[in-house]
Amino acid sequence: MRTGVPGLPTPHPLIEQLPAVYLEQDFLRRFLAALDDVLAPVLLTIDNLPAHLDPRSAPEDFLAWLAQWVAVEQYEDSPIERRRETVRGAVARHARRGTAGGLADAVRLETGAEPEITESGGTAWSTASHTVLPGRARPSVTIRVRERPGRAIDRVRLEELIGTEVPAHVGYTLEILPPAGDMGGGAQ
């Protein structure tokens, strides 16, 4: 969080708030200058609060705080723009959490690649009784992601993300495919 920032000027010096009779007192001038150093980050934060609460413009330390507000876990080694986008879209993604669309959004945001998601379930409507239900009895989801040239996918991090996005009773399989045109190997 914000603490003392050396050399940060205060937007509202305390000495200027006092009557003129006190302006000549050296002790009071030095004492208030010390308080100005302590209060400058607080006053500047309050003056810029709308910008601090917007993920697009928040300072990095505030961005981490905003991420906690919207229940998003961020990786400090991720690029700042990806972290900003993660926080900015968190509420909308939470509404879709547990769905194929929500999972696709999360994987796309983490990897930058469009995932292919296959679910075991299905829905059907029928007027006839004893109609066979679609899907399989055991719920599962398969996620296929193709790496982009020059951008490897961190499998452990992606599995951790998928584990938080997929409902607890649903198993999943992750397949990371090599970049298109890469003949060096198959799926992992």
C-alpha atoms as a PDB file:
ATOM      1  CA  MET A   1       0.000   0.000   0.000  1.00  0.00           C
ATOM      2  CA  ARG A   2       0.938   3.632  -0.160  1.00  0.00           C
ATOM      3  CA  THR A   3       3.551   4.825   2.308  1.00  0.00           C
ATOM      4  CA  GLY A   4       5.914   7.760   2.470  1.00  0.00           C
ATOM      5  CA  VAL A   5       7.278   8.735  -0.913  1.00  0.00           C
ATOM      6  CA  PRO A   6      10.535  10.716  -0.589  1.00  0.00           C
ATOM      7  CA  GLY A   7      10.377  14.114  -2.271  1.00  0.00           C
ATOM      8  CA  LEU A   8       6.653  13.917  -3.074  1.00  0.00           C
ATOM      9  CA  PRO A   9       5.275  17.450  -2.869  1.00  0.00           C
ATOM     10  CA  THR A  10       2.064  17.969  -0.956  1.00  0.00           C
ATOM     11  CA  PRO A  11      -0.847  19.472  -2.878  1.00  0.00           C
ATOM     12  CA  HIS A  12      -2.042  21.353   0.239  1.00  0.00           C
ATOM     13  CA  PRO A  13       0.837  22.535   2.498  1.00  0.00           C
ATOM     14  CA  LEU A  14      -0.338  22.756   6.109  1.00  0.00           C
ATOM     15  CA  ILE A  15       1.615  25.936   6.808  1.00  0.00           C
ATOM     16  CA  GLU A  16      -0.543  27.752   4.241  1.00  0.00           C
ATOM     17  CA  GLN A  17      -3.653  26.833   6.229  1.00  0.00           C
ATOM     18  CA  LEU A  18      -2.512  28.779   9.317  1.00  0.00           C
ATOM     19  CA  PRO A  19      -3.030  32.471  10.095  1.00  0.00           C
ATOM     20  CA  ALA A  20      -0.155  34.774   9.095  1.00  0.00           C
ATOM     21  CA  VAL A  21       0.952  35.288  12.715  1.00  0.00           C
ATOM     22  CA  TYR A  22       2.321  31.681  12.792  1.00  0.00           C
ATOM     23  CA  LEU A  23       4.225  31.827   9.492  1.00  0.00           C
ATOM     24  CA  GLU A  24       7.375  33.265  11.081  1.00  0.00           C
ATOM     25  CA  GLN A  25       7.829  30.453  13.636  1.00  0.00           C
ATOM     26  CA  ASP A  26      10.659  28.180  12.488  1.00  0.00           C
ATOM     27  CA  PHE A  27       9.728  25.207  14.717  1.00  0.00           C
ATOM     28  CA  LEU A  28       6.128  25.220  13.501  1.00  0.00           C
ATOM     29  CA  ARG A  29       7.267  25.499   9.857  1.00  0.00           C
ATOM     30  CA  ARG A  30       9.604  22.451  10.228  1.00  0.00           C
ATOM     31  CA  PHE A  31       7.004  20.445  12.195  1.00  0.00           C
ATOM     32  CA  LEU A  32       4.294  21.023   9.590  1.00  0.00           C
ATOM     33  CA  ALA A  33       6.728  20.248   6.759  1.00  0.00           C
ATOM     34  CA  ALA A  34       7.335  16.825   8.352  1.00  0.00           C
ATOM     35  CA  LEU A  35       3.578  16.246   8.531  1.00  0.00           C
ATOM     36  CA  ASP A  36       3.287  17.314   4.884  1.00  0.00           C
ATOM     37  CA  ASP A  37       5.780  14.569   3.947  1.00  0.00           C
ATOM     38  CA  VAL A  38       3.635  11.994   5.735  1.00  0.00           C
ATOM     39  CA  LEU A  39       0.285  13.266   4.428  1.00  0.00           C
ATOM     40  CA  ALA A  40       1.297  13.927   0.784  1.00  0.00           C
ATOM     41  CA  PRO A  41       0.683  10.314  -0.424  1.00  0.00           C
ATOM     42  CA  VAL A  42      -2.655  10.194   1.403  1.00  0.00           C
ATOM     43  CA  LEU A  43      -3.870  13.526   0.012  1.00  0.00           C
ATOM     44  CA  LEU A  44      -2.729  12.726  -3.518  1.00  0.00           C
ATOM     45  CA  THR A  45      -4.442   9.333  -3.347  1.00  0.00           C
ATOM     46  CA  ILE A  46      -7.694  10.896  -2.180  1.00  0.00           C
ATOM     47  CA  ASP A  47      -7.457  13.576  -4.882  1.00  0.00           C
ATOM     48  CA  ASN A  48      -6.988  10.848  -7.508  1.00  0.00           C
ATOM     49  CA  LEU A  49      -9.312   8.209  -6.046  1.00  0.00           C
ATOM     50  CA  PRO A  50     -11.403   7.680  -9.211  1.00  0.00           C
ATOM     51  CA  ALA A  51      -8.228   6.947 -11.197  1.00  0.00           C
ATOM     52  CA  HIS A  52      -6.938   4.641  -8.439  1.00  0.00           C
ATOM     53  CA  LEU A  53     -10.170   2.615  -8.456  1.00  0.00           C
ATOM     54  CA  ASP A  54     -10.189   2.153 -12.241  1.00  0.00           C
ATOM     55  CA  PRO A  55      -8.140  -0.932 -13.237  1.00  0.00           C
ATOM     56  CA  ARG A  56      -7.104   0.785 -16.475  1.00  0.00           C
ATOM     57  CA  SER A  57      -5.232   3.556 -14.640  1.00  0.00           C
ATOM     58  CA  ALA A  58      -4.618   2.299 -11.096  1.00  0.00           C
ATOM     59  CA  PRO A  59      -1.012   2.196  -9.871  1.00  0.00           C
ATOM     60  CA  GLU A  60       0.351  -1.352  -9.649  1.00  0.00           C
ATOM     61  CA  ASP A  61       0.083  -1.599  -5.860  1.00  0.00           C
ATOM     62  CA  PHE A  62      -3.556  -0.469  -6.007  1.00  0.00           C
ATOM     63  CA  LEU A  63      -4.220  -2.884  -8.858  1.00  0.00           C
ATOM     64  CA  ALA A  64      -3.214  -5.768  -6.593  1.00  0.00           C
ATOM     65  CA  TRP A  65      -5.586  -4.409  -3.950  1.00  0.00           C
ATOM     66  CA  LEU A  66      -8.436  -4.098  -6.489  1.00  0.00           C
ATOM     67  CA  ALA A  67      -7.794  -7.688  -7.551  1.00  0.00           C
ATOM     68  CA  GLN A  68      -8.484  -8.777  -3.969  1.00  0.00           C
ATOM     69  CA  TRP A  69     -11.741  -6.811  -4.009  1.00  0.00           C
ATOM     70  CA  VAL A  70     -13.033  -8.720  -7.039  1.00  0.00           C
ATOM     71  CA  ALA A  71     -11.604 -12.104  -5.954  1.00  0.00           C
ATOM     72  CA  VAL A  72      -8.989 -12.416  -8.682  1.00  0.00           C
ATOM     73  CA  GLU A  73      -5.660 -14.103  -8.110  1.00  0.00           C
ATOM     74  CA  GLN A  74      -2.922 -12.455 -10.112  1.00  0.00           C
ATOM     75  CA  TYR A  75       0.591 -13.559 -10.937  1.00  0.00           C
ATOM     76  CA  GLU A  76       3.168 -10.852 -10.338  1.00  0.00           C
ATOM     77  CA  ASP A  77       5.187 -12.052 -13.334  1.00  0.00           C
ATOM     78  CA  SER A  78       2.259 -11.483 -15.728  1.00  0.00           C
ATOM     79  CA  PRO A  79       2.435  -8.381 -17.913  1.00  0.00           C
ATOM     80  CA  ILE A  80       0.733  -5.352 -16.337  1.00  0.00           C
ATOM     81  CA  GLU A  81      -1.777  -5.030 -19.190  1.00  0.00           C
ATOM     82  CA  ARG A  82      -2.932  -8.644 -18.687  1.00  0.00           C
ATOM     83  CA  ARG A  83      -3.318  -8.013 -14.939  1.00  0.00           C
ATOM     84  CA  ARG A  84      -5.359  -4.870 -15.657  1.00  0.00           C
ATOM     85  CA  GLU A  85      -7.620  -6.791 -18.050  1.00  0.00           C
ATOM     86  CA  THR A  86      -8.031  -9.596 -15.508  1.00  0.00           C
ATOM     87  CA  VAL A  87      -9.274  -7.172 -12.851  1.00  0.00           C
ATOM     88  CA  ARG A  88     -11.384  -5.143 -15.274  1.00  0.00           C
ATOM     89  CA  GLY A  89     -13.405  -8.115 -16.515  1.00  0.00           C
ATOM     90  CA  ALA A  90     -13.543 -10.080 -13.248  1.00  0.00           C
ATOM     91  CA  VAL A  91     -17.140  -9.347 -12.284  1.00  0.00           C
ATOM     92  CA  ALA A  92     -18.491 -10.305 -15.723  1.00  0.00           C
ATOM     93  CA  ARG A  93     -16.365 -13.478 -15.703  1.00  0.00           C
ATOM     94  CA  HIS A  94     -17.624 -14.427 -12.238  1.00  0.00           C
ATOM     95  CA  ALA A  95     -21.170 -14.358 -13.621  1.00  0.00           C
ATOM     96  CA  ARG A  96     -20.151 -16.934 -16.264  1.00  0.00           C
ATOM     97  CA  ARG A  97     -18.004 -19.047 -13.955  1.00  0.00           C
ATOM     98  CA  GLY A  98     -18.631 -22.775 -14.211  1.00  0.00           C
ATOM     99  CA  THR A  99     -19.813 -22.554 -17.840  1.00  0.00           C
ATOM    100  CA  ALA A 100     -17.961 -23.439 -21.019  1.00  0.00           C
ATOM    101  CA  GLY A 101     -18.007 -19.773 -22.030  1.00  0.00           C
ATOM    102  CA  GLY A 102     -16.566 -18.681 -18.686  1.00  0.00           C
ATOM    103  CA  LEU A 103     -13.848 -21.326 -18.903  1.00  0.00           C
ATOM    104  CA  ALA A 104     -13.000 -20.239 -22.461  1.00  0.00           C
ATOM    105  CA  ASP A 105     -12.750 -16.601 -21.330  1.00  0.00           C
ATOM    106  CA  ALA A 106     -10.388 -17.520 -18.480  1.00  0.00           C
ATOM    107  CA  VAL A 107      -8.156 -19.708 -20.662  1.00  0.00           C
ATOM    108  CA  ARG A 108      -8.091 -17.085 -23.423  1.00  0.00           C
ATOM    109  CA  LEU A 109      -7.108 -14.379 -20.956  1.00  0.00           C
ATOM    110  CA  GLU A 110      -4.315 -16.514 -19.466  1.00  0.00           C
ATOM    111  CA  THR A 111      -2.840 -17.906 -22.702  1.00  0.00           C
ATOM    112  CA  GLY A 112      -3.849 -15.444 -25.400  1.00  0.00           C
ATOM    113  CA  ALA A 113      -5.030 -18.433 -27.467  1.00  0.00           C
ATOM    114  CA  GLU A 114      -8.546 -19.502 -28.412  1.00  0.00           C
ATOM    115  CA  PRO A 115      -9.326 -22.778 -26.589  1.00  0.00           C
ATOM    116  CA  GLU A 116     -11.432 -25.610 -27.962  1.00  0.00           C
ATOM    117  CA  ILE A 117     -13.718 -26.902 -25.201  1.00  0.00           C
ATOM    118  CA  THR A 118     -15.681 -30.133 -25.387  1.00  0.00           C
ATOM    119  CA  GLU A 119     -18.184 -31.016 -22.668  1.00  0.00           C
ATOM    120  CA  SER A 120     -19.659 -34.423 -21.835  1.00  0.00           C
ATOM    121  CA  GLY A 121     -23.128 -33.098 -21.048  1.00  0.00           C
ATOM    122  CA  GLY A 122     -26.031 -31.962 -23.145  1.00  0.00           C
ATOM    123  CA  THR A 123     -29.665 -30.940 -23.081  1.00  0.00           C
ATOM    124  CA  ALA A 124     -32.665 -32.194 -24.978  1.00  0.00           C
ATOM    125  CA  TRP A 125     -36.392 -31.666 -25.167  1.00  0.00           C
ATOM    126  CA  SER A 126     -38.862 -34.378 -26.022  1.00  0.00           C
ATOM    127  CA  THR A 127     -42.573 -35.080 -25.783  1.00  0.00           C
ATOM    128  CA  ALA A 128     -41.956 -38.841 -25.651  1.00  0.00           C
ATOM    129  CA  SER A 129     -41.278 -40.634 -22.390  1.00  0.00           C
ATOM    130  CA  HIS A 130     -38.139 -42.713 -21.851  1.00  0.00           C
ATOM    131  CA  THR A 131     -36.147 -40.634 -24.300  1.00  0.00           C
ATOM    132  CA  VAL A 132     -32.423 -41.276 -24.082  1.00  0.00           C
ATOM    133  CA  LEU A 133     -30.604 -38.444 -22.329  1.00  0.00           C
ATOM    134  CA  PRO A 134     -27.779 -36.767 -24.214  1.00  0.00           C
ATOM    135  CA  GLY A 135     -24.209 -36.700 -22.945  1.00  0.00           C
ATOM    136  CA  ARG A 136     -22.372 -39.099 -20.673  1.00  0.00           C
ATOM    137  CA  ALA A 137     -23.193 -40.097 -17.109  1.00  0.00           C
ATOM    138  CA  ARG A 138     -19.836 -38.901 -15.725  1.00  0.00           C
ATOM    139  CA  PRO A 139     -19.329 -35.159 -16.302  1.00  0.00           C
ATOM    140  CA  SER A 140     -16.046 -34.084 -17.854  1.00  0.00           C
ATOM    141  CA  VAL A 141     -14.580 -31.368 -20.018  1.00  0.00           C
ATOM    142  CA  THR A 142     -11.677 -31.427 -22.458  1.00  0.00           C
ATOM    143  CA  ILE A 143      -9.722 -28.250 -23.113  1.00  0.00           C
ATOM    144  CA  ARG A 144      -7.431 -28.025 -26.133  1.00  0.00           C
ATOM    145  CA  VAL A 145      -5.165 -25.021 -26.462  1.00  0.00           C
ATOM    146  CA  ARG A 146      -2.722 -24.418 -29.289  1.00  0.00           C
ATOM    147  CA  GLU A 147       0.463 -22.610 -28.336  1.00  0.00           C
ATOM    148  CA  ARG A 148       1.299 -19.521 -30.316  1.00  0.00           C
ATOM    149  CA  PRO A 149       4.754 -19.242 -31.924  1.00  0.00           C
ATOM    150  CA  GLY A 150       7.226 -17.836 -29.424  1.00  0.00           C
ATOM    151  CA  ARG A 151       4.794 -18.002 -26.515  1.00  0.00           C
ATOM    152  CA  ALA A 152       4.929 -21.220 -24.506  1.00  0.00           C
ATOM    153  CA  ILE A 153       2.016 -22.094 -22.237  1.00  0.00           C
ATOM    154  CA  ASP A 154       2.770 -22.758 -18.572  1.00  0.00           C
ATOM    155  CA  ARG A 155       0.928 -26.051 -18.059  1.00  0.00           C
ATOM    156  CA  VAL A 156       1.006 -25.966 -14.240  1.00  0.00           C
ATOM    157  CA  ARG A 157      -0.408 -22.431 -14.100  1.00  0.00           C
ATOM    158  CA  LEU A 158      -3.090 -23.271 -16.680  1.00  0.00           C
ATOM    159  CA  GLU A 159      -4.127 -26.431 -14.811  1.00  0.00           C
ATOM    160  CA  GLU A 160      -4.375 -24.404 -11.619  1.00  0.00           C
ATOM    161  CA  LEU A 161      -6.623 -21.886 -13.386  1.00  0.00           C
ATOM    162  CA  ILE A 162      -8.817 -24.587 -14.919  1.00  0.00           C
ATOM    163  CA  GLY A 163      -9.158 -26.237 -11.505  1.00  0.00           C
ATOM    164  CA  THR A 164     -10.652 -23.017 -10.122  1.00  0.00           C
ATOM    165  CA  GLU A 165     -12.978 -22.477 -13.097  1.00  0.00           C
ATOM    166  CA  VAL A 166     -14.416 -25.972 -13.587  1.00  0.00           C
ATOM    167  CA  PRO A 167     -17.088 -27.121 -11.090  1.00  0.00           C
ATOM    168  CA  ALA A 168     -15.634 -29.389  -8.391  1.00  0.00           C
ATOM    169  CA  HIS A 169     -17.523 -32.506  -9.518  1.00  0.00           C
ATOM    170  CA  VAL A 170     -16.397 -32.204 -13.149  1.00  0.00           C
ATOM    171  CA  GLY A 171     -13.155 -33.825 -14.257  1.00  0.00           C
ATOM    172  CA  TYR A 172     -11.065 -32.231 -16.968  1.00  0.00           C
ATOM    173  CA  THR A 173      -8.380 -33.068 -19.488  1.00  0.00           C
ATOM    174  CA  LEU A 174      -5.964 -30.454 -20.778  1.00  0.00           C
ATOM    175  CA  GLU A 175      -4.262 -30.858 -24.143  1.00  0.00           C
ATOM    176  CA  ILE A 176      -1.613 -28.337 -25.142  1.00  0.00           C
ATOM    177  CA  LEU A 177      -0.983 -28.504 -28.873  1.00  0.00           C
ATOM    178  CA  PRO A 178       2.167 -27.250 -30.600  1.00  0.00           C
ATOM    179  CA  PRO A 179       1.979 -24.089 -32.717  1.00  0.00           C
ATOM    180  CA  ALA A 180       0.265 -24.492 -36.080  1.00  0.00           C
ATOM    181  CA  GLY A 181       2.707 -25.737 -38.708  1.00  0.00           C
ATOM    182  CA  ASP A 182       5.082 -27.160 -36.058  1.00  0.00           C
ATOM    183  CA  MET A 183       5.845 -30.747 -37.011  1.00  0.00           C
ATOM    184  CA  GLY A 184       8.001 -31.292 -33.931  1.00  0.00           C
ATOM    185  CA  GLY A 185       5.489 -33.321 -31.942  1.00  0.00           C
ATOM    186  CA  GLY A 186       1.952 -34.074 -30.958  1.00  0.00           C
ATOM    187  CA  ALA A 187      -0.325 -33.150 -28.105  1.00  0.00           C
ATOM    188  CA  GLN A 188       1.058 -33.113 -24.583  1.00  0.00           C
END
